[in-house]
Amino acid sequence: MNDKELLEDLILSAMNDAVRQISDALSAKMKTATGGMNLPF
């Protein structure tokens, strides 16, 4: 694997992790705001 491919993989992995963390945080905030009701959003 050359450096360009490694960099692309690292960036993609970091972006996916950031999206997952944002989604988890949003879910936790929504759970708190809705009092634990399971509402789709």
PDB file of N, CA and C in Angstrom:
ATOM      1  N   MET A   1       0.860  -1.173   0.000  1.00  0.00           N
ATOM      2  CA  MET A   1       0.000   0.000   0.000  1.00  0.00           C
ATOM      3  C   MET A   1       0.902   1.231   0.000  1.00  0.00           C
ATOM      4  N   ASN A   2       0.606   2.139  -0.878  1.00  0.00           N
ATOM      5  CA  ASN A   2       1.431   3.359  -0.885  1.00  0.00           C
ATOM      6  C   ASN A   2       0.855   4.402   0.066  1.00  0.00           C
ATOM      7  N   ASP A   3       1.560   5.487   0.249  1.00  0.00           N
ATOM      8  CA  ASP A   3       1.178   6.496   1.228  1.00  0.00           C
ATOM      9  C   ASP A   3      -0.169   7.140   0.927  1.00  0.00           C
ATOM     10  N   LYS A   4      -0.506   7.325  -0.331  1.00  0.00           N
ATOM     11  CA  LYS A   4      -1.780   7.953  -0.693  1.00  0.00           C
ATOM     12  C   LYS A   4      -2.948   7.076  -0.250  1.00  0.00           C
ATOM     13  N   GLU A   5      -2.855   5.785  -0.490  1.00  0.00           N
ATOM     14  CA  GLU A   5      -3.928   4.876  -0.091  1.00  0.00           C
ATOM     15  C   GLU A   5      -4.058   4.797   1.424  1.00  0.00           C
ATOM     16  N   LEU A   6      -2.930   4.789   2.115  1.00  0.00           N
ATOM     17  CA  LEU A   6      -2.949   4.760   3.574  1.00  0.00           C
ATOM     18  C   LEU A   6      -3.609   6.018   4.115  1.00  0.00           C
ATOM     19  N   LEU A   7      -3.256   7.163   3.575  1.00  0.00           N
ATOM     20  CA  LEU A   7      -3.853   8.423   4.006  1.00  0.00           C
ATOM     21  C   LEU A   7      -5.357   8.434   3.749  1.00  0.00           C
ATOM     22  N   GLU A   8      -5.779   7.961   2.578  1.00  0.00           N
ATOM     23  CA  GLU A   8      -7.212   7.891   2.269  1.00  0.00           C
ATOM     24  C   GLU A   8      -7.945   7.000   3.265  1.00  0.00           C
ATOM     25  N   ASP A   9      -7.343   5.860   3.597  1.00  0.00           N
ATOM     26  CA  ASP A   9      -7.964   4.943   4.555  1.00  0.00           C
ATOM     27  C   ASP A   9      -8.058   5.563   5.943  1.00  0.00           C
ATOM     28  N   LEU A  10      -7.022   6.270   6.355  1.00  0.00           N
ATOM     29  CA  LEU A  10      -7.035   6.913   7.666  1.00  0.00           C
ATOM     30  C   LEU A  10      -8.084   8.018   7.737  1.00  0.00           C
ATOM     31  N   ILE A  11      -8.192   8.802   6.675  1.00  0.00           N
ATOM     32  CA  ILE A  11      -9.194   9.870   6.634  1.00  0.00           C
ATOM     33  C   ILE A  11     -10.601   9.279   6.659  1.00  0.00           C
ATOM     34  N   LEU A  12     -10.834   8.246   5.878  1.00  0.00           N
ATOM     35  CA  LEU A  12     -12.150   7.601   5.843  1.00  0.00           C
ATOM     36  C   LEU A  12     -12.505   7.024   7.205  1.00  0.00           C
ATOM     37  N   SER A  13     -11.550   6.388   7.837  1.00  0.00           N
ATOM     38  CA  SER A  13     -11.783   5.822   9.163  1.00  0.00           C
ATOM     39  C   SER A  13     -12.105   6.914  10.182  1.00  0.00           C
ATOM     40  N   ALA A  14     -11.378   8.017  10.137  1.00  0.00           N
ATOM     41  CA  ALA A  14     -11.623   9.131  11.055  1.00  0.00           C
ATOM     42  C   ALA A  14     -12.994   9.752  10.825  1.00  0.00           C
ATOM     43  N   MET A  15     -13.374   9.895   9.576  1.00  0.00           N
ATOM     44  CA  MET A  15     -14.692  10.462   9.258  1.00  0.00           C
ATOM     45  C   MET A  15     -15.810   9.539   9.749  1.00  0.00           C
ATOM     46  N   ASN A  16     -15.670   8.260   9.514  1.00  0.00           N
ATOM     47  CA  ASN A  16     -16.679   7.303   9.966  1.00  0.00           C
ATOM     48  C   ASN A  16     -16.803   7.307  11.483  1.00  0.00           C
ATOM     49  N   ASP A  17     -15.674   7.394  12.182  1.00  0.00           N
ATOM     50  CA  ASP A  17     -15.695   7.443  13.635  1.00  0.00           C
ATOM     51  C   ASP A  17     -16.375   8.724  14.120  1.00  0.00           C
ATOM     52  N   ALA A  18     -16.093   9.843  13.478  1.00  0.00           N
ATOM     53  CA  ALA A  18     -16.714  11.116  13.854  1.00  0.00           C
ATOM     54  C   ALA A  18     -18.227  11.068  13.652  1.00  0.00           C
ATOM     55  N   VAL A  19     -18.658  10.514  12.537  1.00  0.00           N
ATOM     56  CA  VAL A  19     -20.096  10.395  12.259  1.00  0.00           C
ATOM     57  C   VAL A  19     -20.764   9.507  13.308  1.00  0.00           C
ATOM     58  N   ARG A  20     -20.107   8.409  13.687  1.00  0.00           N
ATOM     59  CA  ARG A  20     -20.664   7.509  14.699  1.00  0.00           C
ATOM     60  C   ARG A  20     -20.760   8.222  16.049  1.00  0.00           C
ATOM     61  N   GLN A  21     -19.730   8.973  16.416  1.00  0.00           N
ATOM     62  CA  GLN A  21     -19.754   9.690  17.690  1.00  0.00           C
ATOM     63  C   GLN A  21     -20.849  10.751  17.711  1.00  0.00           C
ATOM     64  N   ILE A  22     -21.028  11.466  16.620  1.00  0.00           N
ATOM     65  CA  ILE A  22     -22.089  12.473  16.527  1.00  0.00           C
ATOM     66  C   ILE A  22     -23.454  11.804  16.634  1.00  0.00           C
ATOM     67  N   SER A  23     -23.623  10.689  15.948  1.00  0.00           N
ATOM     68  CA  SER A  23     -24.890   9.967  16.001  1.00  0.00           C
ATOM     69  C   SER A  23     -25.191   9.478  17.416  1.00  0.00           C
ATOM     70  N   ASP A  24     -24.183   8.951  18.092  1.00  0.00           N
ATOM     71  CA  ASP A  24     -24.360   8.493  19.472  1.00  0.00           C
ATOM     72  C   ASP A  24     -24.730   9.645  20.396  1.00  0.00           C
ATOM     73  N   ALA A  25     -24.049  10.776  20.226  1.00  0.00           N
ATOM     74  CA  ALA A  25     -24.336  11.943  21.066  1.00  0.00           C
ATOM     75  C   ALA A  25     -25.741  12.468  20.804  1.00  0.00           C
ATOM     76  N   LEU A  26     -26.140  12.516  19.551  1.00  0.00           N
ATOM     77  CA  LEU A  26     -27.482  12.976  19.205  1.00  0.00           C
ATOM     78  C   LEU A  26     -28.539  12.043  19.790  1.00  0.00           C
ATOM     79  N   SER A  27     -28.303  10.759  19.706  1.00  0.00           N
ATOM     80  CA  SER A  27     -29.251   9.789  20.265  1.00  0.00           C
ATOM     81  C   SER A  27     -29.393   9.974  21.771  1.00  0.00           C
ATOM     82  N   ALA A  28     -28.280  10.191  22.450  1.00  0.00           N
ATOM     83  CA  ALA A  28     -28.326  10.398  23.895  1.00  0.00           C
ATOM     84  C   ALA A  28     -29.076  11.675  24.237  1.00  0.00           C
ATOM     85  N   LYS A  29     -28.839  12.754  23.489  1.00  0.00           N
ATOM     86  CA  LYS A  29     -29.546  14.020  23.741  1.00  0.00           C
ATOM     87  C   LYS A  29     -31.040  13.867  23.483  1.00  0.00           C
ATOM     88  N   MET A  30     -31.396  13.176  22.403  1.00  0.00           N
ATOM     89  CA  MET A  30     -32.812  12.992  22.077  1.00  0.00           C
ATOM     90  C   MET A  30     -33.497  12.129  23.130  1.00  0.00           C
ATOM     91  N   LYS A  31     -32.796  11.123  23.628  1.00  0.00           N
ATOM     92  CA  LYS A  31     -33.370  10.256  24.666  1.00  0.00           C
ATOM     93  C   LYS A  31     -33.662  11.074  25.916  1.00  0.00           C
ATOM     94  N   THR A  32     -32.734  11.958  26.263  1.00  0.00           N
ATOM     95  CA  THR A  32     -32.932  12.827  27.426  1.00  0.00           C
ATOM     96  C   THR A  32     -34.087  13.803  27.173  1.00  0.00           C
ATOM     97  N   ALA A  33     -34.129  14.398  25.992  1.00  0.00           N
ATOM     98  CA  ALA A  33     -35.145  15.401  25.678  1.00  0.00           C
ATOM     99  C   ALA A  33     -36.548  14.809  25.598  1.00  0.00           C
ATOM    100  N   THR A  34     -36.655  13.546  25.177  1.00  0.00           N
ATOM    101  CA  THR A  34     -37.977  12.931  25.026  1.00  0.00           C
ATOM    102  C   THR A  34     -38.364  12.096  26.233  1.00  0.00           C
ATOM    103  N   GLY A  35     -37.547  12.131  27.270  1.00  0.00           N
ATOM    104  CA  GLY A  35     -37.876  11.374  28.470  1.00  0.00           C
ATOM    105  C   GLY A  35     -37.790   9.879  28.271  1.00  0.00           C
ATOM    106  N   GLY A  36     -36.992   9.431  27.327  1.00  0.00           N
ATOM    107  CA  GLY A  36     -36.804   8.006  27.080  1.00  0.00           C
ATOM    108  C   GLY A  36     -37.785   7.383  26.117  1.00  0.00           C
ATOM    109  N   MET A  37     -38.745   8.184  25.595  1.00  0.00           N
ATOM    110  CA  MET A  37     -39.668   7.638  24.601  1.00  0.00           C
ATOM    111  C   MET A  37     -38.881   7.287  23.347  1.00  0.00           C
ATOM    112  N   ASN A  38     -39.231   6.223  22.696  1.00  0.00           N
ATOM    113  CA  ASN A  38     -38.516   5.777  21.510  1.00  0.00           C
ATOM    114  C   ASN A  38     -39.156   6.393  20.271  1.00  0.00           C
ATOM    115  N   LEU A  39     -38.752   7.619  19.950  1.00  0.00           N
ATOM    116  CA  LEU A  39     -39.293   8.326  18.796  1.00  0.00           C
ATOM    117  C   LEU A  39     -38.301   8.268  17.637  1.00  0.00           C
ATOM    118  N   PRO A  40     -38.785   8.034  16.428  1.00  0.00           N
ATOM    119  CA  PRO A  40     -37.867   8.035  15.285  1.00  0.00           C
ATOM    120  C   PRO A  40     -37.461   9.463  14.912  1.00  0.00           C
ATOM    121  N   PHE A  41     -36.235   9.637  14.486  1.00  0.00           N
ATOM    122  CA  PHE A  41     -35.775  10.943  14.011  1.00  0.00           C
ATOM    123  C   PHE A  41     -34.733  10.761  12.969  1.00  0.00           C
TER     124      PHE A  41
END
